[in-house]
Amino acid sequence: MQATAYTYDPESRSGQVLLDDGTPVPFDAAAFDAGGLRLLRPGQRVRIETEETEPGAGPESGSGRRITLVTLQTF
């Protein structure tokens, strides 16, 4: 799935991406680290992998999904 980097905090290595429909979805340091990136700038196109979440399973539970990987989109 593709998205656009929206926010990124280099100290916590977490942030949010915007899905193509405009929905913001947060990611944690584990998802960032899984992608092998060192830096992420707002506006960059990224590829994400997600998994379904249980209701009440953390901050991502409102969207029903959790990001497990964030990496740069390559063509």
PDB file of N, CA and C in Angstrom:
ATOM      1  N   MET A   1       0.854  -1.166   0.000  1.00  0.00           N
ATOM      2  CA  MET A   1       0.000   0.000   0.000  1.00  0.00           C
ATOM      3  C   MET A   1       0.905   1.236   0.000  1.00  0.00           C
ATOM      4  N   GLN A   2       0.458   2.277  -0.656  1.00  0.00           N
ATOM      5  CA  GLN A   2       1.232   3.509  -0.706  1.00  0.00           C
ATOM      6  C   GLN A   2       0.595   4.573   0.184  1.00  0.00           C
ATOM      7  N   ALA A   3       1.430   5.491   0.644  1.00  0.00           N
ATOM      8  CA  ALA A   3       0.978   6.604   1.479  1.00  0.00           C
ATOM      9  C   ALA A   3       1.980   7.743   1.327  1.00  0.00           C
ATOM     10  N   THR A   4       1.694   8.846   1.994  1.00  0.00           N
ATOM     11  CA  THR A   4       2.577  10.010   1.999  1.00  0.00           C
ATOM     12  C   THR A   4       2.978  10.300   3.435  1.00  0.00           C
ATOM     13  N   ALA A   5       4.283  10.483   3.660  1.00  0.00           N
ATOM     14  CA  ALA A   5       4.753  10.832   5.004  1.00  0.00           C
ATOM     15  C   ALA A   5       4.125  12.162   5.409  1.00  0.00           C
ATOM     16  N   TYR A   6       3.560  12.180   6.601  1.00  0.00           N
ATOM     17  CA  TYR A   6       2.869  13.379   7.093  1.00  0.00           C
ATOM     18  C   TYR A   6       3.664  14.020   8.222  1.00  0.00           C
ATOM     19  N   THR A   7       4.003  13.250   9.233  1.00  0.00           N
ATOM     20  CA  THR A   7       4.838  13.743  10.330  1.00  0.00           C
ATOM     21  C   THR A   7       5.894  12.688  10.638  1.00  0.00           C
ATOM     22  N   TYR A   8       7.021  13.136  11.196  1.00  0.00           N
ATOM     23  CA  TYR A   8       8.072  12.216  11.622  1.00  0.00           C
ATOM     24  C   TYR A   8       8.891  12.894  12.706  1.00  0.00           C
ATOM     25  N   ASP A   9       9.103  12.178  13.821  1.00  0.00           N
ATOM     26  CA  ASP A   9       9.930  12.661  14.918  1.00  0.00           C
ATOM     27  C   ASP A   9      11.196  11.802  14.962  1.00  0.00           C
ATOM     28  N   PRO A  10      12.361  12.373  14.604  1.00  0.00           N
ATOM     29  CA  PRO A  10      13.580  11.564  14.566  1.00  0.00           C
ATOM     30  C   PRO A  10      14.021  11.033  15.926  1.00  0.00           C
ATOM     31  N   GLU A  11      13.644  11.688  17.000  1.00  0.00           N
ATOM     32  CA  GLU A  11      14.039  11.201  18.323  1.00  0.00           C
ATOM     33  C   GLU A  11      13.285   9.932  18.711  1.00  0.00           C
ATOM     34  N   SER A  12      11.991   9.893  18.444  1.00  0.00           N
ATOM     35  CA  SER A  12      11.201   8.705  18.792  1.00  0.00           C
ATOM     36  C   SER A  12      11.074   7.740  17.614  1.00  0.00           C
ATOM     37  N   ARG A  13      11.494   8.188  16.405  1.00  0.00           N
ATOM     38  CA  ARG A  13      11.382   7.412  15.168  1.00  0.00           C
ATOM     39  C   ARG A  13       9.945   6.977  14.896  1.00  0.00           C
ATOM     40  N   SER A  14       9.005   7.837  15.231  1.00  0.00           N
ATOM     41  CA  SER A  14       7.592   7.553  14.992  1.00  0.00           C
ATOM     42  C   SER A  14       6.965   8.744  14.283  1.00  0.00           C
ATOM     43  N   GLY A  15       5.759   8.546  13.771  1.00  0.00           N
ATOM     44  CA  GLY A  15       5.079   9.627  13.081  1.00  0.00           C
ATOM     45  C   GLY A  15       3.755   9.169  12.520  1.00  0.00           C
ATOM     46  N   GLN A  16       3.336   9.827  11.445  1.00  0.00           N
ATOM     47  CA  GLN A  16       2.084   9.489  10.780  1.00  0.00           C
ATOM     48  C   GLN A  16       2.276   9.549   9.278  1.00  0.00           C
ATOM     49  N   VAL A  17       1.496   8.737   8.586  1.00  0.00           N
ATOM     50  CA  VAL A  17       1.409   8.824   7.140  1.00  0.00           C
ATOM     51  C   VAL A  17      -0.034   9.152   6.782  1.00  0.00           C
ATOM     52  N   LEU A  18      -0.226   9.707   5.603  1.00  0.00           N
ATOM     53  CA  LEU A  18      -1.564   9.952   5.082  1.00  0.00           C
ATOM     54  C   LEU A  18      -1.832   8.937   3.985  1.00  0.00           C
ATOM     55  N   LEU A  19      -2.914   8.195   4.136  1.00  0.00           N
ATOM     56  CA  LEU A  19      -3.329   7.300   3.072  1.00  0.00           C
ATOM     57  C   LEU A  19      -3.824   8.142   1.910  1.00  0.00           C
ATOM     58  N   ASP A  20      -3.983   7.544   0.754  1.00  0.00           N
ATOM     59  CA  ASP A  20      -4.394   8.305  -0.422  1.00  0.00           C
ATOM     60  C   ASP A  20      -5.783   8.909  -0.276  1.00  0.00           C
ATOM     61  N   ASP A  21      -6.604   8.386   0.648  1.00  0.00           N
ATOM     62  CA  ASP A  21      -7.926   8.975   0.894  1.00  0.00           C
ATOM     63  C   ASP A  21      -7.875  10.081   1.943  1.00  0.00           C
ATOM     64  N   GLY A  22      -6.652  10.422   2.438  1.00  0.00           N
ATOM     65  CA  GLY A  22      -6.479  11.491   3.413  1.00  0.00           C
ATOM     66  C   GLY A  22      -6.527  11.056   4.862  1.00  0.00           C
ATOM     67  N   THR A  23      -6.697   9.758   5.119  1.00  0.00           N
ATOM     68  CA  THR A  23      -6.757   9.243   6.483  1.00  0.00           C
ATOM     69  C   THR A  23      -5.361   9.192   7.092  1.00  0.00           C
ATOM     70  N   PRO A  24      -5.141   9.848   8.250  1.00  0.00           N
ATOM     71  CA  PRO A  24      -3.837   9.745   8.909  1.00  0.00           C
ATOM     72  C   PRO A  24      -3.747   8.431   9.694  1.00  0.00           C
ATOM     73  N   VAL A  25      -2.611   7.762   9.584  1.00  0.00           N
ATOM     74  CA  VAL A  25      -2.385   6.515  10.313  1.00  0.00           C
ATOM     75  C   VAL A  25      -1.014   6.609  10.974  1.00  0.00           C
ATOM     76  N   PRO A  26      -0.948   6.449  12.299  1.00  0.00           N
ATOM     77  CA  PRO A  26       0.339   6.554  12.993  1.00  0.00           C
ATOM     78  C   PRO A  26       1.199   5.305  12.805  1.00  0.00           C
ATOM     79  N   PHE A  27       2.501   5.487  12.930  1.00  0.00           N
ATOM     80  CA  PHE A  27       3.426   4.351  12.950  1.00  0.00           C
ATOM     81  C   PHE A  27       4.390   4.538  14.111  1.00  0.00           C
ATOM     82  N   ASP A  28       4.904   3.411  14.613  1.00  0.00           N
ATOM     83  CA  ASP A  28       5.823   3.464  15.750  1.00  0.00           C
ATOM     84  C   ASP A  28       7.252   3.187  15.284  1.00  0.00           C
ATOM     85  N   ALA A  29       8.191   3.219  16.238  1.00  0.00           N
ATOM     86  CA  ALA A  29       9.600   3.036  15.913  1.00  0.00           C
ATOM     87  C   ALA A  29       9.863   1.662  15.304  1.00  0.00           C
ATOM     88  N   ALA A  30       9.150   0.630  15.749  1.00  0.00           N
ATOM     89  CA  ALA A  30       9.357  -0.709  15.203  1.00  0.00           C
ATOM     90  C   ALA A  30       9.034  -0.753  13.710  1.00  0.00           C
ATOM     91  N   ALA A  31       7.965  -0.091  13.294  1.00  0.00           N
ATOM     92  CA  ALA A  31       7.592  -0.055  11.870  1.00  0.00           C
ATOM     93  C   ALA A  31       8.631   0.733  11.073  1.00  0.00           C
ATOM     94  N   PHE A  32       9.118   1.827  11.626  1.00  0.00           N
ATOM     95  CA  PHE A  32      10.144   2.622  10.944  1.00  0.00           C
ATOM     96  C   PHE A  32      11.431   1.822  10.815  1.00  0.00           C
ATOM     97  N   ASP A  33      11.855   1.185  11.890  1.00  0.00           N
ATOM     98  CA  ASP A  33      13.093   0.402  11.875  1.00  0.00           C
ATOM     99  C   ASP A  33      13.007  -0.777  10.908  1.00  0.00           C
ATOM    100  N   ALA A  34      11.831  -1.371  10.766  1.00  0.00           N
ATOM    101  CA  ALA A  34      11.656  -2.518   9.875  1.00  0.00           C
ATOM    102  C   ALA A  34      11.912  -2.144   8.421  1.00  0.00           C
ATOM    103  N   GLY A  35      11.724  -0.884   8.076  1.00  0.00           N
ATOM    104  CA  GLY A  35      11.934  -0.436   6.703  1.00  0.00           C
ATOM    105  C   GLY A  35      13.364  -0.099   6.362  1.00  0.00           C
ATOM    106  N   GLY A  36      14.247  -0.038   7.349  1.00  0.00           N
ATOM    107  CA  GLY A  36      15.656   0.245   7.096  1.00  0.00           C
ATOM    108  C   GLY A  36      15.969   1.694   6.759  1.00  0.00           C
ATOM    109  N   LEU A  37      15.040   2.603   7.027  1.00  0.00           N
ATOM    110  CA  LEU A  37      15.275   4.015   6.726  1.00  0.00           C
ATOM    111  C   LEU A  37      16.067   4.685   7.840  1.00  0.00           C
ATOM    112  N   ARG A  38      16.729   5.788   7.496  1.00  0.00           N
ATOM    113  CA  ARG A  38      17.435   6.593   8.488  1.00  0.00           C
ATOM    114  C   ARG A  38      16.739   7.912   8.736  1.00  0.00           C
ATOM    115  N   LEU A  39      15.964   8.403   7.755  1.00  0.00           N
ATOM    116  CA  LEU A  39      15.304   9.695   7.843  1.00  0.00           C
ATOM    117  C   LEU A  39      14.060   9.659   6.979  1.00  0.00           C
ATOM    118  N   LEU A  40      13.063  10.417   7.377  1.00  0.00           N
ATOM    119  CA  LEU A  40      11.833  10.517   6.604  1.00  0.00           C
ATOM    120  C   LEU A  40      11.398  11.971   6.607  1.00  0.00           C
ATOM    121  N   ARG A  41      11.099  12.500   5.428  1.00  0.00           N
ATOM    122  CA  ARG A  41      10.666  13.891   5.313  1.00  0.00           C
ATOM    123  C   ARG A  41       9.188  13.945   4.969  1.00  0.00           C
ATOM    124  N   PRO A  42       8.445  14.863   5.575  1.00  0.00           N
ATOM    125  CA  PRO A  42       7.037  15.027   5.201  1.00  0.00           C
ATOM    126  C   PRO A  42       6.915  15.263   3.694  1.00  0.00           C
ATOM    127  N   GLY A  43       5.942  14.612   3.100  1.00  0.00           N
ATOM    128  CA  GLY A  43       5.708  14.727   1.669  1.00  0.00           C
ATOM    129  C   GLY A  43       6.299  13.596   0.848  1.00  0.00           C
ATOM    130  N   GLN A  44       7.225  12.824   1.436  1.00  0.00           N
ATOM    131  CA  GLN A  44       7.803  11.705   0.694  1.00  0.00           C
ATOM    132  C   GLN A  44       6.761  10.608   0.508  1.00  0.00           C
ATOM    133  N   ARG A  45       6.768   9.986  -0.670  1.00  0.00           N
ATOM    134  CA  ARG A  45       5.903   8.833  -0.903  1.00  0.00           C
ATOM    135  C   ARG A  45       6.564   7.610  -0.278  1.00  0.00           C
ATOM    136  N   VAL A  46       5.781   6.838   0.426  1.00  0.00           N
ATOM    137  CA  VAL A  46       6.297   5.662   1.106  1.00  0.00           C
ATOM    138  C   VAL A  46       5.423   4.455   0.783  1.00  0.00           C
ATOM    139  N   ARG A  47       6.005   3.295   0.970  1.00  0.00           N
ATOM    140  CA  ARG A  47       5.264   2.048   0.895  1.00  0.00           C
ATOM    141  C   ARG A  47       5.089   1.568   2.328  1.00  0.00           C
ATOM    142  N   ILE A  48       3.882   1.164   2.670  1.00  0.00           N
ATOM    143  CA  ILE A  48       3.624   0.672   4.017  1.00  0.00           C
ATOM    144  C   ILE A  48       3.016  -0.717   3.947  1.00  0.00           C
ATOM    145  N   GLU A  49       3.252  -1.473   4.996  1.00  0.00           N
ATOM    146  CA  GLU A  49       2.574  -2.744   5.187  1.00  0.00           C
ATOM    147  C   GLU A  49       1.800  -2.624   6.487  1.00  0.00           C
ATOM    148  N   THR A  50       0.592  -3.180   6.496  1.00  0.00           N
ATOM    149  CA  THR A  50      -0.274  -3.052   7.659  1.00  0.00           C
ATOM    150  C   THR A  50      -0.801  -4.416   8.082  1.00  0.00           C
ATOM    151  N   GLU A  51      -1.340  -4.449   9.300  1.00  0.00           N
ATOM    152  CA  GLU A  51      -2.072  -5.610   9.785  1.00  0.00           C
ATOM    153  C   GLU A  51      -3.306  -5.109  10.508  1.00  0.00           C
ATOM    154  N   GLU A  52      -4.333  -5.906  10.522  1.00  0.00           N
ATOM    155  CA  GLU A  52      -5.571  -5.539  11.205  1.00  0.00           C
ATOM    156  C   GLU A  52      -5.336  -5.526  12.712  1.00  0.00           C
ATOM    157  N   THR A  53      -6.028  -4.625  13.419  1.00  0.00           N
ATOM    158  CA  THR A  53      -5.905  -4.545  14.874  1.00  0.00           C
ATOM    159  C   THR A  53      -7.241  -4.851  15.528  1.00  0.00           C
ATOM    160  N   GLU A  54      -7.166  -5.258  16.762  1.00  0.00           N
ATOM    161  CA  GLU A  54      -8.365  -5.496  17.565  1.00  0.00           C
ATOM    162  C   GLU A  54      -8.853  -4.165  18.121  1.00  0.00           C
ATOM    163  N   PRO A  55     -10.143  -4.012  18.344  1.00  0.00           N
ATOM    164  CA  PRO A  55     -10.645  -2.780  18.980  1.00  0.00           C
ATOM    165  C   PRO A  55      -9.960  -2.542  20.319  1.00  0.00           C
ATOM    166  N   GLY A  56      -9.514  -1.301  20.519  1.00  0.00           N
ATOM    167  CA  GLY A  56      -8.863  -0.933  21.775  1.00  0.00           C
ATOM    168  C   GLY A  56      -7.432  -1.417  21.888  1.00  0.00           C
ATOM    169  N   ALA A  57      -6.806  -1.782  20.766  1.00  0.00           N
ATOM    170  CA  ALA A  57      -5.449  -2.340  20.799  1.00  0.00           C
ATOM    171  C   ALA A  57      -4.377  -1.276  20.571  1.00  0.00           C
ATOM    172  N   GLY A  58      -4.588  -0.087  21.039  1.00  0.00           N
ATOM    173  CA  GLY A  58      -3.571   0.953  20.905  1.00  0.00           C
ATOM    174  C   GLY A  58      -4.072   2.133  20.119  1.00  0.00           C
ATOM    175  N   PRO A  59      -3.190   3.125  19.895  1.00  0.00           N
ATOM    176  CA  PRO A  59      -3.607   4.362  19.231  1.00  0.00           C
ATOM    177  C   PRO A  59      -4.062   4.158  17.803  1.00  0.00           C
ATOM    178  N   GLU A  60      -3.614   3.084  17.146  1.00  0.00           N
ATOM    179  CA  GLU A  60      -3.997   2.836  15.760  1.00  0.00           C
ATOM    180  C   GLU A  60      -5.364   2.182  15.652  1.00  0.00           C
ATOM    181  N   SER A  61      -5.945   1.756  16.782  1.00  0.00           N
ATOM    182  CA  SER A  61      -7.157   0.944  16.739  1.00  0.00           C
ATOM    183  C   SER A  61      -8.341   1.670  16.115  1.00  0.00           C
ATOM    184  N   GLY A  62      -8.326   2.990  16.123  1.00  0.00           N
ATOM    185  CA  GLY A  62      -9.429   3.717  15.510  1.00  0.00           C
ATOM    186  C   GLY A  62      -9.523   3.472  14.027  1.00  0.00           C
ATOM    187  N   SER A  63      -8.391   3.238  13.368  1.00  0.00           N
ATOM    188  CA  SER A  63      -8.409   2.992  11.929  1.00  0.00           C
ATOM    189  C   SER A  63      -8.569   1.512  11.611  1.00  0.00           C
ATOM    190  N   GLY A  64      -8.462   0.639  12.617  1.00  0.00           N
ATOM    191  CA  GLY A  64      -8.584  -0.787  12.385  1.00  0.00           C
ATOM    192  C   GLY A  64      -7.349  -1.420  11.785  1.00  0.00           C
ATOM    193  N   ARG A  65      -6.250  -0.690  11.725  1.00  0.00           N
ATOM    194  CA  ARG A  65      -5.014  -1.238  11.178  1.00  0.00           C
ATOM    195  C   ARG A  65      -3.815  -0.651  11.901  1.00  0.00           C
ATOM    196  N   ARG A  66      -2.721  -1.396  11.846  1.00  0.00           N
ATOM    197  CA  ARG A  66      -1.458  -0.968  12.444  1.00  0.00           C
ATOM    198  C   ARG A  66      -0.392  -1.106  11.370  1.00  0.00           C
ATOM    199  N   ILE A  67       0.440  -0.090  11.244  1.00  0.00           N
ATOM    200  CA  ILE A  67       1.534  -0.132  10.269  1.00  0.00           C
ATOM    201  C   ILE A  67       2.668  -0.966  10.848  1.00  0.00           C
ATOM    202  N   THR A  68       3.130  -1.933  10.065  1.00  0.00           N
ATOM    203  CA  THR A  68       4.225  -2.799  10.498  1.00  0.00           C
ATOM    204  C   THR A  68       5.534  -2.486   9.782  1.00  0.00           C
ATOM    205  N   LEU A  69       5.474  -1.711   8.679  1.00  0.00           N
ATOM    206  CA  LEU A  69       6.673  -1.378   7.919  1.00  0.00           C
ATOM    207  C   LEU A  69       6.450  -0.078   7.167  1.00  0.00           C
ATOM    208  N   VAL A  70       7.462   0.782   7.205  1.00  0.00           N
ATOM    209  CA  VAL A  70       7.470   2.030   6.421  1.00  0.00           C
ATOM    210  C   VAL A  70       8.794   2.057   5.660  1.00  0.00           C
ATOM    211  N   THR A  71       8.725   2.164   4.339  1.00  0.00           N
ATOM    212  CA  THR A  71       9.936   2.266   3.539  1.00  0.00           C
ATOM    213  C   THR A  71       9.652   3.173   2.342  1.00  0.00           C
ATOM    214  N   LEU A  72      10.692   3.598   1.653  1.00  0.00           N
ATOM    215  CA  LEU A  72      10.492   4.485   0.512  1.00  0.00           C
ATOM    216  C   LEU A  72       9.829   3.749  -0.636  1.00  0.00           C
ATOM    217  N   GLN A  73       8.989   4.453  -1.352  1.00  0.00           N
ATOM    218  CA  GLN A  73       8.334   3.893  -2.535  1.00  0.00           C
ATOM    219  C   GLN A  73       9.310   3.938  -3.684  1.00  0.00           C
ATOM    220  N   THR A  74       9.545   2.814  -4.312  1.00  0.00           N
ATOM    221  CA  THR A  74      10.399   2.773  -5.491  1.00  0.00           C
ATOM    222  C   THR A  74       9.568   2.415  -6.705  1.00  0.00           C
ATOM    223  N   PHE A  75       9.957   2.934  -7.834  1.00  0.00           N
ATOM    224  CA  PHE A  75       9.168   2.729  -9.049  1.00  0.00           C
ATOM    225  C   PHE A  75       9.684   1.573  -9.858  1.00  0.00           C
TER     226      PHE A  75
END
